[in-house]
Amino acid sequence: MTPSQESFPGMTVVNRKWTVELRDTLLLNTTYTIDVTNAITDRNEKNPLENFSYSFSTGDVVDSLSISGKILTAENLEPVKGMYVGLHSNMEDTAFTKTKFERISRTNDGGEFTIRGVAPGKYKLYGLDDANRDYMYDNPAEAIAFMETIIEPSAESAVKYDTVYTDTTKLVIDTVKAIQYTRFLPDNIVLRSFKSDSQRQYLQKHERTPNKLTLFF
């Protein structure tokens, strides 16, 4: 759920009914998104309901912009599954280490992600393998990813084409339909995840001699 809450929502499923219980106070004039990704499947064949999410607002406006892309492991370019991806409107680099993500999503099996319910503005984008689920980088053992440039989400009208065949075996085309849709940008972001080489250092002892102080780690 984004924005994140101090107490994680309770979720129950009975037959075909899915209930989400919110356990925190909601912020005013804020768009909330419950992102299920591919967790909902049909009972018989387990086919997933692809990229399902539910959004609502505590104000008069539902923010509807989104950004999407994928995360790859830097050393071998393999897709990263289950990594959190988040936005900060705070442009300071320390925001990633001191404050929680403002909007979050998570990568699917193919390393792909979509952050929904984004308001117009400028953001920095980060990826985080968040082991303790606090939505900020506070452990050097956690893999991270980041985008060097600032992101400004936008939308534009676009056209996609759907081909209808009269004979699918011989690929005989009947008609080609032009379908209007709204394209949300950027939609082709590529982040590369890595782990920091730096390790935590601990003071072992110190020595003082004239004009010199020596610290041992």
Protein backbone atom coordinates (compact mmCIF):
# COMPACT_ATOMS: atom_id res chain seq x y z
CA MET A 1 0.00 0.00 0.00
CA THR A 2 1.32 3.43 -0.88
CA PRO A 3 1.90 5.81 0.82
CA SER A 4 3.13 3.30 3.40
CA GLN A 5 1.50 3.03 6.82
CA GLU A 6 3.03 2.43 10.23
CA SER A 7 0.75 -0.58 10.77
CA PHE A 8 0.44 -2.84 7.76
CA PRO A 9 -3.20 -3.28 6.61
CA GLY A 10 -4.97 -6.47 7.58
CA MET A 11 -6.17 -8.63 4.69
CA THR A 12 -8.64 -11.51 4.65
CA VAL A 13 -10.09 -13.60 1.84
CA VAL A 14 -13.39 -15.47 2.15
CA ASN A 15 -14.58 -17.24 -1.00
CA ARG A 16 -14.49 -14.51 -3.67
CA LYS A 17 -14.39 -11.57 -1.26
CA TRP A 18 -11.13 -9.78 -0.43
CA THR A 19 -11.25 -7.40 2.55
CA VAL A 20 -8.57 -4.84 3.43
CA GLU A 21 -8.64 -3.37 6.94
CA LEU A 22 -6.78 -0.06 7.31
CA ARG A 23 -5.19 0.25 10.75
CA ASP A 24 -3.72 3.77 10.54
CA THR A 25 -5.08 7.28 10.13
CA LEU A 26 -5.10 8.39 6.49
CA LEU A 27 -3.44 11.62 5.36
CA LEU A 28 -5.64 14.39 4.02
CA ASN A 29 -5.78 15.16 0.28
CA THR A 30 -3.73 12.08 -0.56
CA THR A 31 -4.17 9.38 -3.19
CA TYR A 32 -3.71 5.86 -1.80
CA THR A 33 -3.01 2.84 -3.98
CA ILE A 34 -3.29 -0.81 -2.97
CA ASP A 35 -1.08 -2.63 -5.48
CA VAL A 36 -1.79 -6.35 -5.69
CA THR A 37 0.50 -6.97 -8.71
CA ASN A 38 -0.17 -10.64 -9.65
CA ALA A 39 -1.30 -11.99 -6.26
CA ILE A 40 -4.95 -12.57 -7.27
CA THR A 41 -5.48 -15.72 -9.34
CA ASP A 42 -8.43 -17.82 -10.43
CA ARG A 43 -9.13 -20.96 -8.44
CA ASN A 44 -8.89 -23.54 -11.19
CA GLU A 45 -5.84 -22.73 -13.28
CA LYS A 46 -4.17 -20.12 -11.05
CA ASN A 47 -4.06 -17.57 -13.87
CA PRO A 48 -3.09 -14.21 -12.32
CA LEU A 49 -5.08 -10.99 -12.62
CA GLU A 50 -2.20 -9.04 -14.14
CA ASN A 51 -1.04 -5.82 -12.46
CA PHE A 52 -4.23 -5.23 -10.49
CA SER A 53 -4.40 -2.18 -8.21
CA TYR A 54 -7.08 -0.16 -6.44
CA SER A 55 -6.81 3.60 -5.84
CA PHE A 56 -8.82 6.04 -3.76
CA SER A 57 -8.32 9.58 -2.49
CA THR A 58 -8.96 11.38 0.79
CA GLY A 59 -9.39 14.63 -1.17
CA ASP A 60 -11.20 15.88 -4.25
CA VAL A 61 -8.56 14.65 -6.73
CA VAL A 62 -7.30 11.15 -7.51
CA ASP A 63 -3.70 11.43 -8.77
CA SER A 64 -3.49 9.22 -11.82
CA LEU A 65 0.01 9.55 -13.28
CA SER A 66 2.31 6.53 -13.27
CA ILE A 67 5.86 5.58 -14.17
CA SER A 68 7.14 2.14 -15.13
CA GLY A 69 10.28 0.26 -16.02
CA LYS A 70 12.38 -2.66 -14.80
CA ILE A 71 15.27 -3.46 -12.49
CA LEU A 72 18.24 -5.60 -13.52
CA THR A 73 21.15 -6.90 -11.48
CA ALA A 74 24.14 -4.76 -12.43
CA GLU A 75 26.66 -7.62 -12.63
CA ASN A 76 24.70 -9.98 -14.91
CA LEU A 77 21.64 -8.01 -16.15
CA GLU A 78 19.22 -10.61 -14.77
CA PRO A 79 15.77 -9.27 -13.73
CA VAL A 80 15.33 -8.60 -10.02
CA LYS A 81 12.15 -10.04 -8.47
CA GLY A 82 10.39 -8.57 -5.44
CA MET A 83 12.46 -5.39 -5.10
CA TYR A 84 10.77 -2.25 -3.80
CA VAL A 85 10.83 0.82 -6.03
CA GLY A 86 10.05 4.23 -4.58
CA LEU A 87 9.83 7.96 -5.23
CA HIS A 88 11.04 10.96 -3.24
CA SER A 89 10.07 14.56 -3.99
CA ASN A 90 12.84 15.59 -1.58
CA MET A 91 15.84 16.14 -3.87
CA GLU A 92 18.46 15.66 -1.14
CA ASP A 93 20.45 12.42 -1.36
CA THR A 94 19.96 11.82 2.37
CA ALA A 95 16.18 11.49 1.89
CA PHE A 96 16.77 7.89 0.77
CA THR A 97 18.42 7.07 4.10
CA LYS A 98 16.25 9.07 6.52
CA THR A 99 12.66 9.15 5.23
CA LYS A 100 10.25 6.59 3.82
CA PHE A 101 9.27 6.44 0.16
CA GLU A 102 6.35 8.67 -0.78
CA ARG A 103 5.07 6.25 -3.45
CA ILE A 104 6.16 2.64 -3.78
CA SER A 105 5.73 -0.43 -5.92
CA ARG A 106 7.43 -3.81 -6.24
CA THR A 107 8.96 -5.67 -9.16
CA ASN A 108 7.28 -8.76 -10.59
CA ASP A 109 8.94 -12.00 -11.73
CA GLY A 110 10.34 -10.23 -14.79
CA GLY A 111 11.79 -7.35 -12.78
CA GLU A 112 9.10 -4.99 -14.07
CA PHE A 113 7.40 -2.34 -11.94
CA THR A 114 4.76 0.38 -12.16
CA ILE A 115 4.32 3.11 -9.56
CA ARG A 116 0.73 4.37 -9.70
CA GLY A 117 -1.20 7.28 -8.24
CA VAL A 118 1.63 9.75 -8.76
CA ALA A 119 0.93 13.49 -8.52
CA PRO A 120 2.51 15.97 -10.99
CA GLY A 121 5.94 17.09 -9.84
CA LYS A 122 9.63 16.22 -9.83
CA TYR A 123 10.96 13.08 -8.18
CA LYS A 124 14.04 10.98 -7.54
CA LEU A 125 13.65 7.23 -8.12
CA TYR A 126 15.26 4.46 -6.04
CA GLY A 127 15.17 0.68 -5.81
CA LEU A 128 15.64 -1.08 -2.47
CA ASP A 129 15.82 -4.72 -1.38
CA ASP A 130 14.20 -3.76 1.90
CA ALA A 131 14.76 -6.63 4.32
CA ASN A 132 13.31 -4.87 7.39
CA ARG A 133 10.47 -3.24 5.43
CA ASP A 134 10.98 0.31 6.67
CA TYR A 135 11.15 1.72 3.11
CA MET A 136 14.49 3.50 3.54
CA TYR A 137 18.14 2.58 3.06
CA ASP A 138 19.56 1.95 6.53
CA ASN A 139 21.47 -1.28 6.03
CA PRO A 140 24.57 -1.58 3.79
CA ALA A 141 23.71 -5.26 3.20
CA GLU A 142 20.57 -4.25 1.28
CA ALA A 143 20.85 -4.09 -2.51
CA ILE A 144 19.95 -0.69 -3.96
CA ALA A 145 19.40 0.98 -7.32
CA PHE A 146 18.89 4.59 -8.28
CA MET A 147 18.32 6.87 -11.24
CA GLU A 148 20.73 9.78 -11.61
CA THR A 149 18.31 12.07 -13.44
CA ILE A 150 15.19 13.66 -11.98
CA ILE A 151 11.85 12.23 -13.13
CA GLU A 152 8.85 14.38 -14.05
CA PRO A 153 5.82 12.11 -14.78
CA SER A 154 3.53 13.06 -17.67
CA ALA A 155 0.80 11.65 -19.91
CA GLU A 156 0.04 11.85 -23.62
CA SER A 157 -2.53 10.54 -26.08
CA ALA A 158 -1.29 7.60 -28.12
CA VAL A 159 -2.53 5.01 -30.58
CA LYS A 160 -2.00 1.25 -30.59
CA TYR A 161 -3.05 -1.12 -33.37
CA ASP A 162 -4.97 -4.37 -33.05
CA THR A 163 -5.01 -6.78 -35.99
CA VAL A 164 -8.08 -8.95 -36.65
CA TYR A 165 -7.50 -12.07 -38.78
CA THR A 166 -10.04 -13.93 -40.91
CA ASP A 167 -7.81 -17.00 -40.94
CA THR A 168 -5.33 -17.29 -38.09
CA THR A 169 -3.60 -20.34 -39.60
CA LYS A 170 -2.74 -18.49 -42.82
CA LEU A 171 -2.53 -15.07 -41.12
CA VAL A 172 -5.07 -13.52 -43.46
CA ILE A 173 -5.78 -10.01 -42.18
CA ASP A 174 -9.36 -8.78 -41.99
CA THR A 175 -8.97 -5.35 -40.40
CA VAL A 176 -6.46 -3.33 -38.40
CA LYS A 177 -8.07 -1.30 -35.64
CA ALA A 178 -6.53 1.89 -34.25
CA ILE A 179 -7.18 2.15 -30.51
CA GLN A 180 -6.72 5.42 -28.64
CA TYR A 181 -5.22 5.24 -25.14
CA THR A 182 -3.37 7.34 -22.60
CA ARG A 183 0.35 6.66 -22.36
CA PHE A 184 2.02 7.47 -19.04
CA LEU A 185 5.66 8.53 -19.17
CA PRO A 186 8.37 7.61 -18.48
CA ASP A 187 7.54 3.95 -19.20
CA ASN A 188 10.94 2.50 -20.15
CA ILE A 189 13.11 3.13 -17.09
CA VAL A 190 15.97 0.69 -16.48
CA LEU A 191 17.60 0.56 -13.04
CA ARG A 192 20.60 -1.60 -12.12
CA SER A 193 20.79 -2.96 -8.59
CA PHE A 194 24.00 -3.51 -6.62
CA LYS A 195 25.28 -3.90 -3.08
CA SER A 196 27.61 -1.36 -1.55
CA ASP A 197 31.20 -2.53 -1.01
CA SER A 198 31.52 -0.47 2.15
CA GLN A 199 31.21 -2.30 5.46
CA ARG A 200 30.43 -0.90 8.89
CA GLN A 201 33.61 0.03 10.76
CA TYR A 202 34.07 -0.29 14.52
CA LEU A 203 36.61 1.49 16.72
CA GLN A 204 38.98 -1.05 18.27
CA LYS A 205 41.35 1.24 20.17
CA HIS A 206 43.12 4.59 20.02
CA GLU A 207 46.63 5.77 20.89
CA ARG A 208 47.89 9.26 21.69
CA THR A 209 51.49 10.35 21.27
CA PRO A 210 52.86 13.90 21.06
CA ASN A 211 51.25 15.66 18.10
CA LYS A 212 49.54 12.48 16.92
CA LEU A 213 46.27 10.61 17.46
CA THR A 214 45.95 7.11 15.96
CA LEU A 215 42.60 5.33 15.59
CA PHE A 216 42.40 1.56 14.97
CA PHE A 217 39.28 0.02 13.31
